[in-house]
Structure formats: structure tokens, C-alpha cells
Protein backbone atom coordinates (compact mmCIF):
# COMPACT_ATOMS: atom_id res chain seq x y z
CA UNK A 1 -107.04 -17.90 70.78
CA UNK A 2 -105.08 -19.02 73.86
CA UNK A 3 -101.69 -17.43 74.42
CA UNK A 4 -99.22 -19.86 76.05
CA UNK A 5 -96.03 -18.93 77.97
CA UNK A 6 -94.03 -20.43 75.11
CA UNK A 7 -95.06 -21.96 71.78
CA UNK A 8 -92.63 -24.77 70.98
CA UNK A 9 -94.92 -26.13 68.28
CA UNK A 10 -94.59 -22.94 66.22
CA UNK A 11 -90.80 -23.09 66.46
CA UNK A 12 -90.81 -26.77 65.49
CA UNK A 13 -92.92 -26.08 62.41
CA UNK A 14 -90.45 -23.43 61.25
CA UNK A 15 -87.55 -25.88 61.65
CA UNK A 16 -89.37 -28.97 60.40
CA UNK A 17 -88.13 -28.97 56.75
CA UNK A 18 -84.46 -29.06 57.77
CA UNK A 19 -84.77 -30.73 61.14
CA UNK A 20 -86.59 -33.94 60.26
CA UNK A 21 -84.11 -35.05 57.56
CA UNK A 22 -81.22 -34.34 59.97
CA UNK A 23 -82.88 -36.39 62.70
CA UNK A 24 -83.53 -39.25 60.29
CA UNK A 25 -79.90 -39.16 59.17
CA UNK A 26 -78.76 -39.40 62.81
CA UNK A 27 -81.16 -42.28 63.46
CA UNK A 28 -79.85 -44.11 60.42
CA UNK A 29 -76.23 -43.57 61.45
CA UNK A 30 -77.06 -44.99 64.93
CA UNK A 31 -74.11 -43.29 66.66
CA UNK A 32 -76.18 -42.19 69.63
CA UNK A 33 -73.62 -41.63 72.43
CA UNK A 34 -71.06 -38.81 71.98
CA UNK A 35 -71.69 -39.06 68.26
CA UNK A 36 -70.69 -36.71 65.43
CA UNK A 37 -73.50 -34.22 66.07
CA UNK A 38 -72.52 -33.82 69.71
CA UNK A 39 -68.92 -33.21 68.70
CA UNK A 40 -69.94 -30.78 65.95
CA UNK A 41 -72.30 -28.86 68.23
CA UNK A 42 -69.60 -28.48 70.89
CA UNK A 43 -67.26 -26.99 68.29
CA UNK A 44 -69.96 -24.69 66.87
CA UNK A 45 -71.13 -23.54 70.32
CA UNK A 46 -67.54 -22.83 71.45
CA UNK A 47 -66.98 -20.74 68.34
CA UNK A 48 -70.20 -18.79 68.86
CA UNK A 49 -69.50 -18.13 72.52
CA UNK A 50 -65.83 -17.33 72.04
CA UNK A 51 -64.53 -20.00 74.40
CA UNK A 52 -61.78 -22.56 74.05
CA UNK A 53 -63.96 -25.44 75.20
CA UNK A 54 -67.66 -26.33 75.26
CA UNK A 55 -68.43 -29.65 76.92
CA UNK A 56 -71.99 -30.89 76.67
CA UNK A 57 -73.77 -32.90 79.35
CA UNK A 58 -77.19 -34.28 80.21
CA UNK A 59 -78.85 -31.18 81.67
CA UNK A 60 -78.29 -27.74 83.15
CA UNK A 61 -78.21 -28.98 86.74
CA UNK A 62 -75.45 -31.43 85.88
CA UNK A 63 -73.63 -28.58 84.09
CA UNK A 64 -73.56 -26.59 87.35
CA UNK A 65 -72.56 -29.64 89.38
CA UNK A 66 -69.71 -30.63 87.09
CA UNK A 67 -68.56 -27.02 86.75
CA UNK A 68 -68.19 -26.73 90.52
CA UNK A 69 -66.34 -30.04 90.72
CA UNK A 70 -63.96 -29.01 87.96
CA UNK A 71 -63.39 -25.70 89.78
CA UNK A 72 -62.23 -27.63 92.83
CA UNK A 73 -65.15 -26.71 95.09
CA UNK A 74 -65.82 -29.23 97.85
CA UNK A 75 -66.74 -29.91 101.46
CA UNK A 76 -66.08 -27.01 103.82
CA UNK A 77 -66.07 -24.43 101.03
CA UNK A 78 -68.51 -21.54 100.71
CA UNK A 79 -69.99 -20.34 97.44
CA UNK A 80 -71.63 -16.92 97.32
CA UNK A 81 -74.75 -16.80 95.18
CA UNK A 82 -78.27 -15.39 94.90
CA UNK A 83 -81.41 -16.68 96.65
CA UNK A 84 -83.57 -15.49 93.74
CA UNK A 85 -83.05 -18.19 91.14
CA UNK A 86 -84.11 -21.72 90.28
CA UNK A 87 -83.14 -24.21 92.96
CA UNK A 88 -80.60 -25.98 90.73
CA UNK A 89 -78.09 -23.20 91.39
CA UNK A 90 -77.94 -23.99 95.10
CA UNK A 91 -78.55 -27.72 94.67
CA UNK A 92 -75.32 -28.00 92.69
CA UNK A 93 -73.41 -26.30 95.52
CA UNK A 94 -74.87 -28.83 97.96
CA UNK A 95 -74.00 -31.72 95.64
CA UNK A 96 -70.27 -30.99 96.00
CA UNK A 97 -70.55 -30.69 99.78
CA UNK A 98 -70.11 -26.91 99.86
CA UNK A 99 -72.31 -24.30 101.53
CA UNK A 100 -74.38 -21.80 99.58
CA UNK A 101 -74.01 -18.30 101.05
CA UNK A 102 -76.92 -16.22 99.87
CA UNK A 103 -76.78 -12.45 99.42
CA UNK A 104 -79.52 -10.07 98.32
CA UNK A 105 -80.22 -8.92 94.78
CA UNK A 106 -80.21 -5.65 92.87
CA UNK A 107 -83.77 -4.20 92.84
CA UNK A 108 -83.49 -3.26 89.16
CA UNK A 109 -81.90 -6.29 87.49
CA UNK A 110 -82.76 -8.96 90.12
CA UNK A 111 -79.17 -10.17 89.76
CA UNK A 112 -76.73 -10.61 92.64
CA UNK A 113 -75.84 -7.40 94.54
CA UNK A 114 -72.08 -6.98 94.07
CA UNK A 115 -71.59 -4.87 97.21
CA UNK A 116 -73.29 -7.50 99.36
CA UNK A 117 -71.30 -10.27 97.71
CA UNK A 118 -68.11 -8.45 98.65
CA UNK A 119 -69.20 -8.19 102.29
CA UNK A 120 -70.01 -11.91 102.41
CA UNK A 121 -66.51 -13.10 101.53
CA UNK A 122 -64.80 -15.07 104.32
CA UNK A 123 -61.76 -17.29 104.61
CA UNK A 124 -63.98 -20.20 103.58
CA UNK A 125 -65.22 -18.55 100.38
CA UNK A 126 -63.93 -20.39 97.31
CA UNK A 127 -66.24 -19.21 94.56
CA UNK A 128 -68.72 -16.61 93.35
CA UNK A 129 -71.72 -17.96 91.45
CA UNK A 130 -73.71 -15.18 89.76
CA UNK A 131 -76.83 -16.03 87.76
CA UNK A 132 -77.64 -14.13 84.57
CA UNK A 133 -81.29 -14.14 85.57
CA UNK A 134 -84.07 -13.95 82.98
CA UNK A 135 -81.44 -13.20 80.31
CA UNK A 136 -80.05 -10.03 81.92
CA UNK A 137 -76.26 -10.38 82.29
CA UNK A 138 -75.02 -9.97 85.82
CA UNK A 139 -72.57 -7.12 86.44
CA UNK A 140 -69.50 -9.29 85.92
CA UNK A 141 -66.68 -6.72 85.81
CA UNK A 142 -66.67 -6.01 89.58
CA UNK A 143 -67.31 -9.68 90.34
CA UNK A 144 -64.31 -10.64 88.23
CA UNK A 145 -62.23 -8.08 90.13
CA UNK A 146 -63.44 -9.51 93.44
CA UNK A 147 -62.60 -13.03 92.32
CA UNK A 148 -59.11 -11.97 91.30
CA UNK A 149 -58.50 -10.02 94.50
CA UNK A 150 -59.55 -12.89 96.77
CA UNK A 151 -58.36 -15.75 94.52
CA UNK A 152 -61.87 -17.10 94.03
CA UNK A 153 -63.35 -19.12 91.21
CA UNK A 154 -65.99 -17.29 89.19
CA UNK A 155 -68.68 -19.72 88.05
CA UNK A 156 -71.32 -18.29 85.71
CA UNK A 157 -74.87 -19.69 85.74
CA UNK A 158 -75.89 -19.06 82.12
CA UNK A 159 -78.98 -21.30 82.13
CA UNK A 160 -81.14 -18.37 81.01
CA UNK A 161 -78.67 -16.27 79.05
CA UNK A 162 -77.50 -18.00 75.89
CA UNK A 163 -76.64 -15.23 73.46
CA UNK A 164 -76.50 -12.44 76.03
CA UNK A 165 -73.27 -10.46 76.09
CA UNK A 166 -71.40 -7.70 77.85
CA UNK A 167 -69.53 -5.42 75.50
CA UNK A 168 -69.65 -8.07 72.81
CA UNK A 169 -68.25 -10.81 75.07
CA UNK A 170 -70.72 -13.63 75.57
CA UNK A 171 -71.95 -14.75 78.97
CA UNK A 172 -70.16 -18.00 79.61
CA UNK A 173 -66.87 -16.64 78.25
CA UNK A 174 -65.84 -14.41 81.16
CA UNK A 175 -65.74 -16.59 84.26
CA UNK A 176 -63.44 -19.51 85.03
CA UNK A 177 -66.21 -21.89 84.10
CA UNK A 178 -69.88 -21.55 83.12
CA UNK A 179 -73.00 -23.71 82.96
CA UNK A 180 -75.78 -23.65 80.36
CA UNK A 181 -79.18 -25.35 80.17
CA UNK A 182 -80.90 -26.43 76.97
CA UNK A 183 -84.29 -27.15 78.58
CA UNK A 184 -86.91 -26.84 75.78
CA UNK A 185 -88.19 -23.39 76.83
CA UNK A 186 -84.72 -21.79 76.97
CA UNK A 187 -83.59 -19.25 74.39
CA UNK A 188 -81.59 -22.10 72.87
CA UNK A 189 -83.52 -25.24 73.78
CA UNK A 190 -83.56 -28.83 72.63
CA UNK A 191 -86.43 -31.35 72.63
CA UNK A 192 -85.66 -32.68 76.10
CA UNK A 193 -82.99 -32.11 78.70
CA UNK A 194 -79.51 -30.93 77.78
CA UNK A 195 -76.68 -28.91 79.26
CA UNK A 196 -73.19 -27.59 78.59
CA UNK A 197 -70.15 -26.31 80.45
CA UNK A 198 -67.73 -23.76 78.97
CA UNK A 199 -64.22 -22.81 79.98
CA UNK A 200 -61.04 -21.29 78.61
CA UNK A 201 -58.93 -23.74 80.63
CA UNK A 202 -57.49 -26.81 78.89
CA UNK A 203 -56.99 -28.59 82.23
CA UNK A 204 -60.52 -27.89 83.40
CA UNK A 205 -61.95 -29.05 80.06
CA UNK A 206 -60.07 -32.35 80.32
CA UNK A 207 -61.48 -32.89 83.79
CA UNK A 208 -65.02 -32.02 82.65
CA UNK A 209 -64.87 -34.49 79.77
CA UNK A 210 -63.93 -37.22 82.22
CA UNK A 211 -66.52 -36.18 84.78
CA UNK A 212 -69.39 -36.40 82.29
CA UNK A 213 -68.29 -39.85 81.10
CA UNK A 214 -67.65 -42.07 84.14
CA UNK A 215 -64.25 -40.52 84.86
CA UNK A 216 -62.85 -41.98 81.66
CA UNK A 217 -60.57 -40.68 78.91
CA UNK A 218 -60.07 -44.11 77.33
CA UNK A 219 -62.91 -46.61 77.28
CA UNK A 220 -62.91 -48.92 80.31
CA UNK A 221 -60.06 -47.01 81.94
CA UNK A 222 -61.25 -44.71 84.72
CA UNK A 223 -59.00 -42.08 86.30
CA UNK A 224 -61.50 -40.42 88.62
CA UNK A 225 -65.00 -41.03 89.94
CA UNK A 226 -67.23 -39.57 87.29
CA UNK A 227 -70.89 -39.45 86.25
CA UNK A 228 -73.10 -40.56 83.41
CA UNK A 229 -74.04 -37.16 82.02
CA UNK A 230 -73.87 -37.03 78.25
CA UNK A 231 -75.90 -35.00 75.77
CA UNK A 232 -78.03 -37.19 73.54
CA UNK A 233 -77.06 -37.25 69.85
CA UNK A 234 -80.61 -36.42 68.74
CA UNK A 235 -80.72 -33.39 71.04
CA UNK A 236 -77.45 -32.24 69.47
CA UNK A 237 -79.13 -32.39 66.05
CA UNK A 238 -81.86 -30.08 67.33
CA UNK A 239 -79.37 -27.68 68.91
CA UNK A 240 -77.27 -27.54 65.72
CA UNK A 241 -80.38 -26.56 63.77
CA UNK A 242 -81.28 -23.82 66.24
CA UNK A 243 -77.82 -22.38 66.99
CA UNK A 244 -77.52 -20.40 63.72
CA UNK A 245 -80.87 -18.77 64.58
CA UNK A 246 -80.09 -17.79 68.17
CA UNK A 247 -79.38 -14.13 67.43
CA UNK A 248 -82.62 -13.91 65.47
CA UNK A 249 -84.52 -15.62 68.28
CA UNK A 250 -83.05 -13.18 70.82
CA UNK A 251 -83.80 -10.17 68.63
CA UNK A 252 -87.42 -11.31 68.45
CA UNK A 253 -87.56 -11.74 72.23
CA UNK A 254 -86.32 -8.17 72.55
CA UNK A 255 -89.04 -7.05 70.12
CA UNK A 256 -91.66 -8.70 72.31
CA UNK A 257 -90.22 -7.18 75.48
CA UNK A 258 -90.04 -3.68 74.08
CA UNK A 259 -93.61 -3.87 72.80
CA UNK A 260 -94.73 -4.98 76.26
CA UNK A 261 -92.83 -2.03 77.70
CA UNK A 262 -94.65 0.37 75.39
CA UNK A 263 -98.03 -1.19 76.10
CA UNK A 264 -97.57 -1.18 79.87
CA UNK A 265 -95.95 2.21 80.32
CA UNK A 266 -97.54 4.66 82.75
CA UNK A 267 -99.16 1.81 84.68
CA UNK A 268 -98.64 1.21 88.37
CA UNK A 269 -96.09 -1.57 87.87
CA UNK A 270 -92.36 -2.02 87.20
CA UNK A 271 -91.36 -3.36 83.78
CA UNK A 272 -88.05 -5.23 83.35
CA UNK A 273 -84.87 -3.24 83.65
CA UNK A 274 -82.15 -3.04 81.03
CA UNK A 275 -79.17 -1.64 82.89
CA UNK A 276 -76.96 -1.00 79.87
CA UNK A 277 -74.21 -3.23 81.25
CA UNK A 278 -75.04 -6.06 78.89
CA UNK A 279 -77.46 -7.17 76.18
CA UNK A 280 -80.65 -8.52 77.79
CA UNK A 281 -82.04 -11.49 75.83
CA UNK A 282 -85.31 -11.79 77.80
CA UNK A 283 -85.56 -15.46 78.62
CA UNK A 284 -88.43 -14.19 80.72
CA UNK A 285 -90.36 -10.93 80.71
CA UNK A 286 -90.85 -10.38 84.43
CA UNK A 287 -92.59 -7.34 85.86
CA UNK A 288 -93.36 -6.30 89.43
CA UNK A 289 -96.87 -5.50 90.58
CA UNK A 290 -98.81 -5.22 93.83
CA UNK A 291 -101.82 -6.70 92.01
CA UNK A 292 -100.35 -10.04 90.86
CA UNK A 293 -103.25 -12.31 91.73
CA UNK A 294 -105.88 -10.04 90.16
CA UNK A 295 -103.84 -9.70 86.96
CA UNK A 296 -103.21 -13.45 86.76
CA UNK A 297 -106.90 -14.17 87.21
CA UNK A 298 -107.86 -11.73 84.47
CA UNK A 299 -105.25 -13.16 82.11
CA UNK A 300 -106.47 -16.70 82.80
CA UNK A 301 -110.05 -15.68 82.03
CA UNK A 302 -108.79 -14.57 78.62
CA UNK A 303 -106.83 -17.84 78.19
CA UNK A 304 -103.52 -16.04 78.55
CA UNK A 305 -100.79 -17.85 80.43
CA UNK A 306 -98.62 -16.26 83.12
CA UNK A 307 -96.17 -17.59 85.68
CA UNK A 308 -94.37 -16.65 88.87
CA UNK A 309 -90.60 -17.08 88.75
CA UNK A 310 -89.93 -17.51 91.71
CA UNK A 311 -92.55 -17.47 94.47
CA UNK A 312 -90.32 -18.80 97.28
CA UNK A 313 -86.71 -17.58 97.52
CA UNK A 314 -84.09 -20.23 98.18
CA UNK A 315 -83.30 -19.04 101.71
CA UNK A 316 -86.97 -19.67 102.59
CA UNK A 317 -87.05 -23.18 101.13
CA UNK A 318 -87.33 -26.02 103.67
CA UNK A 319 -84.37 -27.82 102.12
CA UNK A 320 -82.03 -24.92 102.94
CA UNK A 321 -83.43 -24.08 106.36
CA UNK A 322 -80.30 -25.25 108.12
CA UNK A 323 -78.01 -22.82 106.26
CA UNK A 324 -80.46 -19.92 106.23
CA UNK A 325 -81.50 -19.53 109.88
CA UNK A 326 -82.17 -15.87 110.55
CA UNK A 327 -81.53 -14.84 106.95
CA UNK A 328 -83.51 -11.89 105.68
CA UNK A 329 -83.08 -10.45 102.20
CA UNK A 330 -85.64 -7.65 101.84
CA UNK A 331 -85.21 -7.02 98.09
CA UNK A 332 -85.44 -10.70 97.21
CA UNK A 333 -88.48 -11.22 99.42
CA UNK A 334 -90.26 -8.17 98.02
CA UNK A 335 -89.57 -9.23 94.42
CA UNK A 336 -90.75 -12.78 95.07
CA UNK A 337 -94.08 -11.46 96.37
CA UNK A 338 -94.65 -9.15 93.40
CA UNK A 339 -93.02 -10.75 90.33
CA UNK A 340 -95.08 -11.90 87.38
CA UNK A 341 -93.81 -13.28 84.07
CA UNK A 342 -95.78 -12.81 80.85
CA UNK A 343 -95.69 -14.95 77.70
CA UNK A 344 -92.53 -14.41 75.67
CA UNK A 345 -91.12 -16.32 72.73
CA UNK A 346 -89.81 -15.31 69.29
CA UNK A 347 -93.00 -16.28 67.47
CA UNK A 348 -95.33 -14.19 69.68
CA UNK A 349 -97.27 -11.79 67.45
CA UNK A 350 -97.68 -8.08 68.03
CA UNK A 351 -101.45 -8.62 68.16
CA UNK A 352 -101.07 -11.14 70.97
CA UNK A 353 -98.76 -8.81 72.88
CA UNK A 354 -101.28 -6.00 72.54
CA UNK A 355 -104.03 -8.30 73.80
CA UNK A 356 -102.03 -9.15 76.92
CA UNK A 357 -101.32 -5.48 77.57
CA UNK A 358 -104.98 -4.60 77.05
CA UNK A 359 -106.10 -7.08 79.71
CA UNK A 360 -103.57 -5.72 82.20
CA UNK A 361 -104.54 -2.10 81.45
CA UNK A 362 -108.19 -2.99 82.03
CA UNK A 363 -107.34 -4.56 85.41
CA UNK A 364 -105.39 -1.49 86.46
CA UNK A 365 -108.01 0.83 84.94
CA UNK A 366 -105.51 2.69 82.78
């Protein structure tokens, strides 16, 4: 039987008995824009994450964009971030007219290298934007200290880390502002696009609510130039059904990851690192190997999916050529050439995991 990267059908079937009546109720109520389910989800998500405010929006990219705007980042500013992430992280910086300043990553966690971030700070630096990549929390304590020392905004990219925590404090609750994505394949995903921004600041939350809704607090009265970026009511229904299960979903992802670790141990490859700083929730299970193409081909022959996140670092993308001239980040470039992500989702069976490991062991003759 084929093994996909993620099985959204299996998750839907588990939720179907409670989800379909809730969706029908929302359809019947016909309050589709900023309706009661959106408001309820924002309250429930804020409570789960331990934040004062959770403001939903249309997607994760918008969440990053609006977060940077609310943080006061604009033209002439520099934002230090990682080149090993999805392009939305740097796109959002460009949207506000700021410059992304890339620094290399930690070879174990693939998250931003704190020491290099410190060296990159200049008079133009206005924010640090770490990404909790693949569900592994970035090392926030020293980044928070850097932000405080240099009076910088700390913007968390939590697109892949819903439910991850550091010492019991959730990602998205430690920076000045944070952005989440609810793309269907995320740990907490809806049935389309969706996003959310979190903050402890009342003033920032007020600005974010205006930014997502045409700059308006009162209908037809507009205080600032805003955007049309609102979470759909039906997506909020889906997210409300899944939110109570997020810890279970993440525990199952950790089960999958640890079984992969056991099945791939002693092979000539590097399995994902858990650094002990925070709870890894394994949005992706990404290993490093010098035999990526051969492994992918063998997996495909057995109808097993795999993916490369991310083959081209941001500093090597054509769109960022003008800000990356002469840039060379050896760890990032090495990881991009050798990274390979295997199927991972809560419903993945132990038998399927063992099948994946068996194919890889055969390729590596172990």
C-alpha cells in the first residue's frame, strides 16, 4: 500500500462524526466572516498557548507580514533570520520594505545560529526572526537576551511548531509577536489556508485586528491602511475540532520519529536532533544523507513518498540575489544538499514506519 507524506483523509475520517454536524451548523447560521467560531477559536487558542491575544488571519504568510507591521518594522530596517526555511519568512520581511539579513544555522537543530545572529546586529537591525523549523523550538533564551540588550523586536515564526514548548512555555508565547500557519499538513491544520498571530501586548493586538480587517475597528471607519486577511468561519470550525487533540497528535508524531530513529540507527546518515532545549513536535522528520537521490528512488519504487525541505536556501534564490551577493553559509548549503524528509503524521502505523526503514537499510546495505 502506498505511504504518503501525510494522510489527511485518515485524520478527516477520525473527526468526521463530530466535524460534519459542526460544519453544517455553521453553514446554517451563515455568519461566515469573523463569526462565532472564529472568535471562539481565538479564545481557545490563546488559552492553550498561554498568550493574552490570538488574532487569526487568512494564512501563515499574512501572519508573518502583519506581525512585522505590528512590530513597527519598515523600510530601511534589517531583520536577522535564517536562510534555511520556507520563502514566506523572508517574503514577509520584503513586504514591509525591510531587508532580510541571513545568518547560518546550527548543524544539529537546523535553527538559527545564535552566535552568528549576535555578530550580524547593526545599527539598522530592528528585529530577530527565528524559525522553529520542523517543530524543533529555536534556542530562544539567548535570542530574547539579545533582543533585550539591543532593543530589538523578537518575532517568532511558529508555522511548523504549534504545540512545541520550551520549559512548558509554548512557542508563540515568548517573543513580542509570533506567526502561525494552519496549512492542511501542519501539526494543527485546517481544510485550506489559515493563519494566526499571537502577542502579549494589548496595543499590538489592537493594531493586528485592524490590519487584518481593512484597518477598521468600527465598520466603514478606517484608521489605518489595512488588508483583507480574515480566517474563514468554516476553517475555524475545523481548527476548533482539532485543537483539543493537538497534544495527542504531537505525541503520535514523536512516536513515529522515535521509531524511525530506532529503525535507522547505526546507518550512515544523521537522524533529527532533539537538543533538550524544547519539546520537538516533528512537523517534519528530516534526516541528512549523502545518498539522497538513491534513497528517494528506492522509496518511490516502493510507493513511499519523500520530500526535500528545502533544496535551495533563501540566499541562493534568484529573488534575493540583490541582498545576498557574496553570501556563503556552509552549514545551510550542506544541509540543503543532503536533507531528506520521510512520511510523518499521527496516523502512520508502526508497520509502515518499519517498511520505510527497511527500504533505506536495504539501500545502505545495513
